[in-house]
Protein backbone atom coordinates (compact mmCIF):
# COMPACT_ATOMS: atom_id res chain seq x y z
CA MET A 1 65.72 2.34 23.44
CA LEU A 2 66.53 -1.30 22.73
CA LYS A 3 62.85 -2.27 23.03
CA LEU A 4 61.94 0.50 20.57
CA GLN A 5 64.53 -0.73 18.08
CA ARG A 6 63.21 -4.28 18.38
CA LYS A 7 59.64 -3.06 17.73
CA ILE A 8 60.81 -1.16 14.64
CA ASN A 9 62.64 -4.23 13.33
CA TYR A 10 59.61 -6.41 14.02
CA TRP A 11 57.22 -4.12 12.17
CA SER A 12 59.68 -3.64 9.32
CA ILE A 13 60.01 -7.38 8.85
CA LEU A 14 56.24 -7.83 9.08
CA LEU A 15 55.69 -5.05 6.51
CA LEU A 16 58.20 -6.59 4.11
CA LEU A 17 56.56 -9.99 4.53
CA LEU A 18 53.11 -8.54 3.79
CA ILE A 19 54.46 -6.75 0.70
CA PHE A 20 56.08 -10.00 -0.53
CA VAL A 21 52.88 -11.99 -0.01
CA ALA A 22 50.79 -9.30 -1.72
CA ASN A 23 53.13 -9.18 -4.73
CA ALA A 24 53.16 -12.96 -5.00
CA CYS A 25 49.36 -13.09 -4.89
CA THR A 26 49.07 -10.31 -7.48
CA LYS A 27 51.57 -12.02 -9.79
CA SER A 28 49.78 -15.36 -9.40
CA THR A 29 46.42 -13.75 -10.16
CA GLN A 30 47.82 -12.00 -13.21
CA GLN A 31 49.33 -15.23 -14.50
CA GLN A 32 46.03 -17.06 -13.99
CA GLU A 33 44.10 -14.30 -15.76
CA LYS A 34 46.64 -14.29 -18.60
CA ALA A 35 46.41 -18.06 -19.00
CA GLN A 36 42.62 -17.97 -18.94
CA THR A 37 42.56 -15.23 -21.60
CA ALA A 38 45.03 -17.11 -23.82
CA VAL A 39 43.03 -20.33 -23.69
CA ALA A 40 39.71 -18.60 -24.26
CA ASP A 41 40.80 -16.37 -27.14
CA GLU A 42 43.66 -18.18 -28.86
CA SER A 43 41.93 -18.80 -32.20
CA ALA A 44 40.76 -15.21 -32.44
CA ALA A 45 44.19 -13.89 -31.41
CA LEU A 46 45.89 -16.06 -34.02
CA LEU A 47 43.50 -15.01 -36.79
CA GLU A 48 44.01 -11.35 -35.86
CA PHE A 49 47.79 -11.91 -36.02
CA PHE A 50 47.48 -13.34 -39.52
CA VAL A 51 45.30 -10.45 -40.68
CA GLN A 52 47.58 -7.80 -39.21
CA ASN A 53 50.57 -9.40 -40.94
CA GLY A 54 49.23 -9.44 -44.47
CA ASP A 55 46.47 -12.09 -44.36
CA TYR A 56 48.68 -14.27 -46.57
CA VAL A 57 46.18 -16.92 -47.73
CA ASN A 58 43.67 -14.24 -48.72
CA SER A 59 46.26 -12.05 -50.43
CA PRO A 60 47.53 -11.94 -54.04
CA LEU A 61 50.82 -13.46 -52.80
CA ALA A 62 49.30 -16.88 -52.15
CA PRO A 63 50.47 -19.39 -53.05
CA ALA A 64 54.14 -18.38 -53.17
CA ILE A 65 55.32 -20.76 -55.89
CA ILE A 66 58.45 -20.56 -58.03
CA ALA A 67 59.21 -22.45 -61.24
CA ALA A 68 62.09 -24.92 -61.39
CA GLY A 69 63.65 -23.01 -64.26
CA ASP A 70 63.77 -19.85 -62.16
CA VAL A 71 65.41 -21.72 -59.28
CA TYR A 72 68.07 -22.95 -61.69
CA ASN A 73 68.62 -19.51 -63.21
CA ASN A 74 68.92 -17.98 -59.72
CA ARG A 75 71.42 -20.56 -58.48
CA ASP A 76 74.29 -18.03 -58.37
CA LYS A 77 72.23 -15.60 -56.30
CA ASN A 78 71.79 -15.58 -52.55
CA ILE A 79 69.16 -18.34 -52.37
CA LEU A 80 68.79 -21.40 -50.19
CA VAL A 81 67.15 -24.59 -51.44
CA ILE A 82 65.73 -26.85 -48.71
CA ASP A 83 64.92 -30.39 -49.79
CA LEU A 84 62.12 -31.93 -47.70
CA ARG A 85 62.19 -35.42 -49.20
CA SER A 86 63.54 -38.48 -47.43
CA ILE A 87 67.29 -38.67 -47.01
CA GLU A 88 67.35 -41.64 -49.39
CA GLN A 89 65.68 -39.60 -52.13
CA PHE A 90 67.97 -36.68 -51.43
CA ASP A 91 71.12 -38.82 -51.64
CA ALA A 92 69.94 -40.36 -54.91
CA GLY A 93 69.80 -36.95 -56.59
CA HIS A 94 69.24 -33.38 -55.48
CA ILE A 95 69.65 -29.77 -56.60
CA GLU A 96 73.17 -28.43 -56.37
CA ASN A 97 73.92 -26.87 -52.95
CA ALA A 98 70.52 -27.90 -51.58
CA VAL A 99 70.35 -28.89 -47.92
CA HIS A 100 68.26 -31.73 -46.59
CA VAL A 101 65.89 -30.84 -43.74
CA ASP A 102 63.06 -33.03 -42.53
CA PRO A 103 59.76 -31.08 -42.29
CA ALA A 104 59.67 -31.72 -38.55
CA ASN A 105 63.01 -29.92 -38.20
CA VAL A 106 62.25 -26.88 -40.36
CA TYR A 107 61.18 -24.63 -37.48
CA ASP A 108 64.31 -25.43 -35.48
CA TYR A 109 66.46 -24.97 -38.60
CA PHE A 110 65.04 -21.49 -39.18
CA THR A 111 65.35 -20.57 -35.52
CA ASN A 112 68.74 -22.00 -34.57
CA THR A 113 70.75 -22.72 -37.73
CA ILE A 114 70.22 -20.00 -40.33
CA ASP A 115 69.41 -16.31 -40.49
CA PRO A 116 66.35 -16.52 -42.78
CA PRO A 117 66.09 -12.81 -43.72
CA ALA A 118 69.69 -12.92 -44.97
CA PHE A 119 68.59 -14.94 -48.02
CA GLU A 120 66.95 -13.41 -51.05
CA GLN A 121 64.87 -16.56 -51.47
CA ILE A 122 64.41 -19.75 -49.48
CA VAL A 123 62.93 -22.42 -51.75
CA PHE A 124 61.32 -25.58 -50.36
CA VAL A 125 61.28 -28.60 -52.66
CA CYS A 126 59.69 -32.01 -52.33
CA ALA A 127 58.79 -34.79 -54.75
CA LYS A 128 55.62 -33.30 -56.29
CA GLY A 129 55.04 -29.90 -54.69
CA GLN A 130 52.44 -30.89 -52.10
CA VAL A 131 54.60 -31.08 -48.97
CA SER A 132 56.69 -28.04 -49.92
CA SER A 133 53.51 -25.98 -50.40
CA TYR A 134 52.28 -27.03 -46.97
CA VAL A 135 55.59 -26.21 -45.27
CA SER A 136 56.10 -22.91 -47.09
CA GLY A 137 52.48 -22.03 -46.24
CA ILE A 138 53.19 -22.40 -42.54
CA MET A 139 56.47 -20.47 -42.72
CA ARG A 140 54.79 -17.65 -44.64
CA LEU A 141 52.17 -17.41 -41.89
CA LEU A 142 55.03 -16.92 -39.41
CA GLY A 143 56.24 -13.95 -41.44
CA TYR A 144 59.01 -15.51 -43.54
CA ASP A 145 57.96 -13.76 -46.73
CA ASN A 146 61.05 -14.84 -48.68
CA THR A 147 59.98 -18.51 -48.67
CA TYR A 148 58.66 -20.32 -51.74
CA SER A 149 57.59 -23.77 -52.90
CA MET A 150 58.97 -25.12 -56.17
CA ARG A 151 56.10 -25.79 -58.57
CA PHE A 152 55.44 -29.51 -59.18
CA GLY A 153 58.43 -30.41 -57.00
CA MET A 154 61.36 -32.41 -58.32
CA SER A 155 59.10 -33.74 -61.09
CA SER A 156 59.55 -30.36 -62.77
CA TRP A 157 63.31 -30.34 -62.25
CA ASN A 158 64.12 -33.54 -64.04
CA LYS A 159 62.27 -35.66 -66.61
CA GLU A 160 63.43 -38.91 -65.06
CA LEU A 161 61.94 -37.96 -61.70
CA ALA A 162 58.74 -36.87 -63.45
CA GLN A 163 58.23 -40.39 -64.78
CA SER A 164 57.78 -41.74 -61.27
CA GLY A 165 56.19 -38.53 -59.98
CA TRP A 166 53.64 -36.26 -61.63
CA ASP A 167 53.38 -38.39 -64.77
CA LYS A 168 51.69 -41.02 -62.58
CA SER A 169 49.54 -38.58 -60.61
CA ILE A 170 47.08 -37.42 -63.28
CA GLY A 171 43.78 -39.18 -63.99
CA ASN A 172 40.30 -38.95 -65.53
CA GLU A 173 38.16 -41.14 -63.30
CA MET A 174 35.56 -38.39 -62.76
CA GLU A 175 35.30 -37.21 -66.38
CA GLY A 176 31.58 -37.09 -67.22
CA LYS A 177 30.64 -37.62 -63.56
CA MET A 178 31.03 -34.11 -62.19
CA GLU A 179 28.01 -32.23 -60.82
CA PHE A 180 27.00 -28.76 -61.97
CA THR A 181 24.31 -27.74 -59.46
CA GLU A 182 25.50 -25.05 -57.06
CA VAL A 183 25.89 -26.30 -53.49
CA LYS A 184 25.02 -24.02 -50.59
CA LYS A 185 27.73 -23.29 -48.06
CA HIS A 186 27.47 -24.42 -44.45
CA GLU A 187 25.82 -22.02 -42.03
CA LYS A 188 28.22 -19.70 -40.21
CA THR A 189 29.53 -20.96 -36.91
CA HIS A 190 32.66 -20.11 -34.90
CA LEU A 191 36.40 -20.66 -34.99
CA PRO A 192 37.81 -23.92 -33.60
CA LYS A 193 39.26 -23.91 -30.11
CA ILE A 194 43.03 -24.27 -29.82
CA GLU A 195 45.05 -24.45 -26.64
CA THR A 196 48.79 -23.83 -26.87
CA GLY A 197 49.26 -21.75 -23.73
CA GLY A 198 50.62 -18.90 -25.84
CA SER A 199 49.93 -15.37 -24.65
CA SER A 200 50.07 -13.54 -28.01
CA GLY A 201 49.23 -14.18 -31.64
CA LEU A 202 52.92 -14.51 -32.53
CA GLU A 203 53.63 -16.97 -29.72
CA ILE A 204 50.55 -19.04 -30.58
CA ALA A 205 51.57 -19.08 -34.25
CA ASN A 206 55.05 -20.35 -33.40
CA LEU A 207 53.73 -23.04 -31.08
CA ARG A 208 51.18 -24.20 -33.66
CA ALA A 209 53.83 -24.26 -36.39
CA GLN A 210 56.13 -26.50 -34.36
CA GLU A 211 53.30 -28.95 -33.81
CA LEU A 212 51.97 -28.95 -37.37
CA LEU A 213 55.34 -29.31 -39.09
CA ASN A 214 55.92 -32.52 -37.18
CA VAL A 215 53.56 -34.55 -39.37
CA ASN A 216 53.66 -37.16 -42.09
CA GLN A 217 52.19 -36.54 -45.54
CA THR A 218 49.25 -38.79 -44.74
CA ASP A 219 48.29 -36.46 -41.90
CA PHE A 220 47.19 -33.65 -44.21
CA LEU A 221 46.89 -35.22 -47.69
CA ILE A 222 44.01 -37.36 -48.97
CA GLY A 223 43.02 -38.67 -52.39
CA PHE A 224 39.80 -37.67 -54.13
CA GLN A 225 38.72 -41.31 -53.69
CA ASP A 226 38.49 -40.70 -49.93
CA ILE A 227 35.77 -38.13 -50.61
CA ILE A 228 33.88 -40.24 -53.17
CA GLU A 229 33.99 -43.41 -51.08
CA ASN A 230 32.99 -41.68 -47.83
CA PRO A 231 30.05 -39.40 -48.67
CA GLY A 232 29.29 -36.98 -45.87
CA LYS A 233 32.54 -37.59 -44.00
CA TYR A 234 34.25 -34.43 -45.24
CA TYR A 235 33.00 -30.92 -45.73
CA THR A 236 34.70 -30.47 -49.08
CA ILE A 237 35.32 -27.16 -50.76
CA SER A 238 36.14 -26.50 -54.40
CA TYR A 239 38.83 -23.82 -54.26
CA PHE A 240 38.08 -22.47 -57.73
CA SER A 241 36.63 -19.25 -59.10
CA GLU A 242 32.88 -19.18 -59.63
CA GLU A 243 33.48 -19.32 -63.39
CA GLU A 244 35.66 -22.44 -63.16
CA TYR A 245 33.25 -24.03 -60.69
CA LYS A 246 30.44 -23.69 -63.24
CA GLU A 247 32.52 -24.70 -66.27
CA LEU A 248 34.33 -27.71 -64.81
CA GLY A 249 31.68 -28.88 -62.37
CA HIS A 250 32.49 -30.22 -58.93
CA LEU A 251 32.63 -33.39 -56.90
CA PRO A 252 29.28 -34.40 -55.34
CA GLY A 253 28.06 -32.07 -52.61
CA VAL A 254 30.96 -29.64 -52.87
CA ALA A 255 30.58 -25.87 -52.36
CA GLN A 256 32.66 -23.21 -54.09
CA TYR A 257 35.13 -20.94 -52.28
CA THR A 258 36.99 -18.25 -54.21
CA PRO A 259 40.79 -18.37 -53.97
CA ARG A 260 42.44 -15.52 -52.05
CA GLU A 261 39.06 -14.20 -50.93
CA SER A 262 36.63 -16.65 -49.32
CA LEU A 263 38.64 -17.78 -46.31
CA SER A 264 38.71 -14.55 -44.33
CA GLU A 265 36.53 -13.89 -41.31
CA LYS A 266 34.76 -11.12 -43.26
CA THR A 267 33.70 -13.53 -46.00
CA ASP A 268 33.19 -17.28 -45.60
CA LEU A 269 35.81 -18.62 -43.18
CA LEU A 270 33.22 -19.13 -40.45
CA THR A 271 31.08 -21.29 -42.74
CA LEU A 272 33.63 -24.08 -42.28
CA PRO A 273 32.38 -26.58 -39.69
CA THR A 274 34.45 -27.24 -36.60
CA ASP A 275 32.91 -30.66 -35.92
CA GLN A 276 33.73 -32.21 -39.30
CA PRO A 277 36.94 -32.68 -41.32
CA VAL A 278 37.40 -30.08 -44.06
CA ALA A 279 38.86 -31.17 -47.42
CA VAL A 280 40.10 -28.68 -49.99
CA TYR A 281 40.84 -29.27 -53.65
CA CYS A 282 42.20 -26.87 -56.26
CA ASN A 283 43.86 -27.34 -59.65
CA THR A 284 47.06 -29.18 -58.71
CA GLY A 285 46.92 -29.62 -54.93
CA GLN A 286 49.65 -27.09 -54.34
CA GLN A 287 47.41 -24.15 -53.47
CA SER A 288 45.09 -26.38 -51.43
CA ALA A 289 48.10 -27.60 -49.42
CA THR A 290 48.82 -23.97 -48.56
CA VAL A 291 45.16 -23.53 -47.55
CA ALA A 292 45.23 -26.71 -45.46
CA ALA A 293 48.26 -25.33 -43.59
CA TYR A 294 46.37 -22.10 -42.84
CA LEU A 295 43.24 -23.90 -41.66
CA ARG A 296 45.22 -26.35 -39.54
CA MET A 297 47.03 -23.46 -37.89
CA LEU A 298 43.61 -22.09 -36.90
CA GLY A 299 42.56 -25.45 -35.46
CA TYR A 300 40.48 -26.98 -38.26
CA GLU A 301 40.95 -30.64 -39.13
CA ALA A 302 41.84 -29.76 -42.71
CA TYR A 303 43.09 -31.87 -45.61
CA SER A 304 44.39 -31.12 -49.08
CA VAL A 305 43.34 -33.35 -51.98
CA LYS A 306 46.50 -34.65 -53.63
CA PHE A 307 47.14 -33.32 -57.15
CA GLY A 308 43.80 -31.50 -57.12
CA ALA A 309 41.45 -31.77 -60.08
CA ASN A 310 44.39 -32.97 -62.19
CA SER A 311 43.97 -36.32 -60.44
CA PHE A 312 40.37 -36.91 -61.56
CA ILE A 313 39.48 -34.63 -64.53
CA TYR A 314 42.88 -34.10 -66.11
CA ASP A 315 41.63 -33.84 -69.70
CA SER A 316 39.16 -31.13 -68.74
CA MET A 317 41.85 -29.27 -66.81
CA ARG A 318 44.21 -29.33 -69.77
CA LYS A 319 41.47 -28.20 -72.14
CA ASN A 320 39.86 -25.48 -70.04
CA ALA A 321 42.58 -24.22 -67.67
CA LYS A 322 43.13 -20.47 -67.87
CA LEU A 323 46.79 -20.65 -66.85
CA ALA A 324 49.57 -23.10 -67.68
CA GLY A 325 50.30 -23.65 -64.00
CA HIS A 326 46.84 -25.18 -63.52
CA TYR A 327 47.73 -28.51 -65.11
CA TRP A 328 50.70 -30.82 -65.41
CA SER A 329 52.24 -31.15 -68.86
CA GLU A 330 55.49 -31.34 -70.78
CA ILE A 331 55.83 -27.55 -70.57
CA HIS A 332 56.78 -27.97 -66.92
CA GLN A 333 59.32 -30.74 -67.46
CA ASN A 334 62.87 -29.47 -67.28
CA ASN A 335 65.99 -31.54 -67.73
CA LEU A 336 68.25 -30.03 -65.13
CA PRO A 337 71.36 -31.52 -63.50
CA LEU A 338 71.31 -33.41 -60.22
CA GLU A 339 73.90 -33.75 -57.51
CA SER A 340 74.52 -37.21 -56.13
CA GLY A 341 76.73 -37.12 -53.09
CA SER A 342 79.52 -34.67 -53.89
CA GLN A 343 79.37 -35.26 -57.65
CA SER A 344 77.15 -33.50 -60.16
CA ALA A 345 75.15 -36.04 -62.16
CA ALA A 346 73.08 -35.37 -65.25
CA PRO A 347 69.89 -37.42 -65.60
CA ALA A 348 70.36 -40.67 -67.46
CA ASN A 349 68.19 -39.58 -70.38
CA ALA A 350 69.74 -36.13 -70.66
CA GLY A 351 71.34 -34.47 -73.59
CA ALA A 352 71.64 -30.72 -73.29
CA THR A 353 70.16 -29.04 -70.22
CA GLU A 354 66.62 -27.85 -70.87
CA ILE A 355 65.22 -24.93 -68.92
CA LYS A 356 61.54 -24.00 -68.86
CA SER A 357 60.02 -21.24 -66.80
CA VAL A 358 56.25 -21.16 -66.96
CA GLN A 359 54.58 -18.38 -65.02
CA GLY A 360 51.09 -18.11 -63.61
CA GLY A 361 48.67 -20.31 -61.76
CA CYS A 362 49.05 -22.65 -58.83
């Protein structure tokens, strides 16, 4: 009887050991297969995630920009203003109740500090609207559809800040030098390869966002001079309507891509090369910063041209622009109060507070 019991125990232990080994092998194989699938299909999975969640960049919602006057008028509502400038700029003068968050810390701030859906609006602000458009573009792609970028940044909040900001960003160096011959788009290719280790579109998006928010401005912004002085380095796209492309002309060798339409997989996204940097310019650089965020999330080496066409054909933009938001002018310059430390400070050149709310355009 004792021998029989020992045999039963022996076979029971052996059976349990075999089951454990089999489960471990199965789990290991599944993990390997999952990892291999994630690495092989990450770009496609991420693009599918974007499409299933509204295809933001190719939707009428892009770019999500709010005027400074509207931010001021909404100040008593449940909104949160996040200032992305340096701490020195923030301390020198910021919007009342704004919080300072470095772009690299935005993801962590949303995840661990605040409850983002609890706010009616979360407004990102920077000096001139380029960085805030990039950051809000990334956060929108993650599904935070209550996030906005303040148009023209702090230059539109306060005339004094405009003097050292957007007032110095416009130019006419390319007036009379633009080309008007249509440029053919690149042949269709494939999506870039990205490797985050994520196992779903949502996880990949979050991992990409953490990486791409931890950048300096110079990592995604270039001047139009970079394109002119380095012919052939960038595959540059004019992010204008066909009508504007023909009326205003374009920088040498630049193809036209229609805003909110051309950068989907069903249209012209796959005509962007994966072996060459992609530069995007629009009217003011704010919509192109949003586009650069989208393309960088997908793995492209993408750049936004600072201040857009306003930086090189400003007079033409002012004359021909269809919407007021397409060019910088006095109609965007408010004279709104600033907070310095714990005290509210009016700008040095201020009389009465001036509020302007110009709708339309990027």
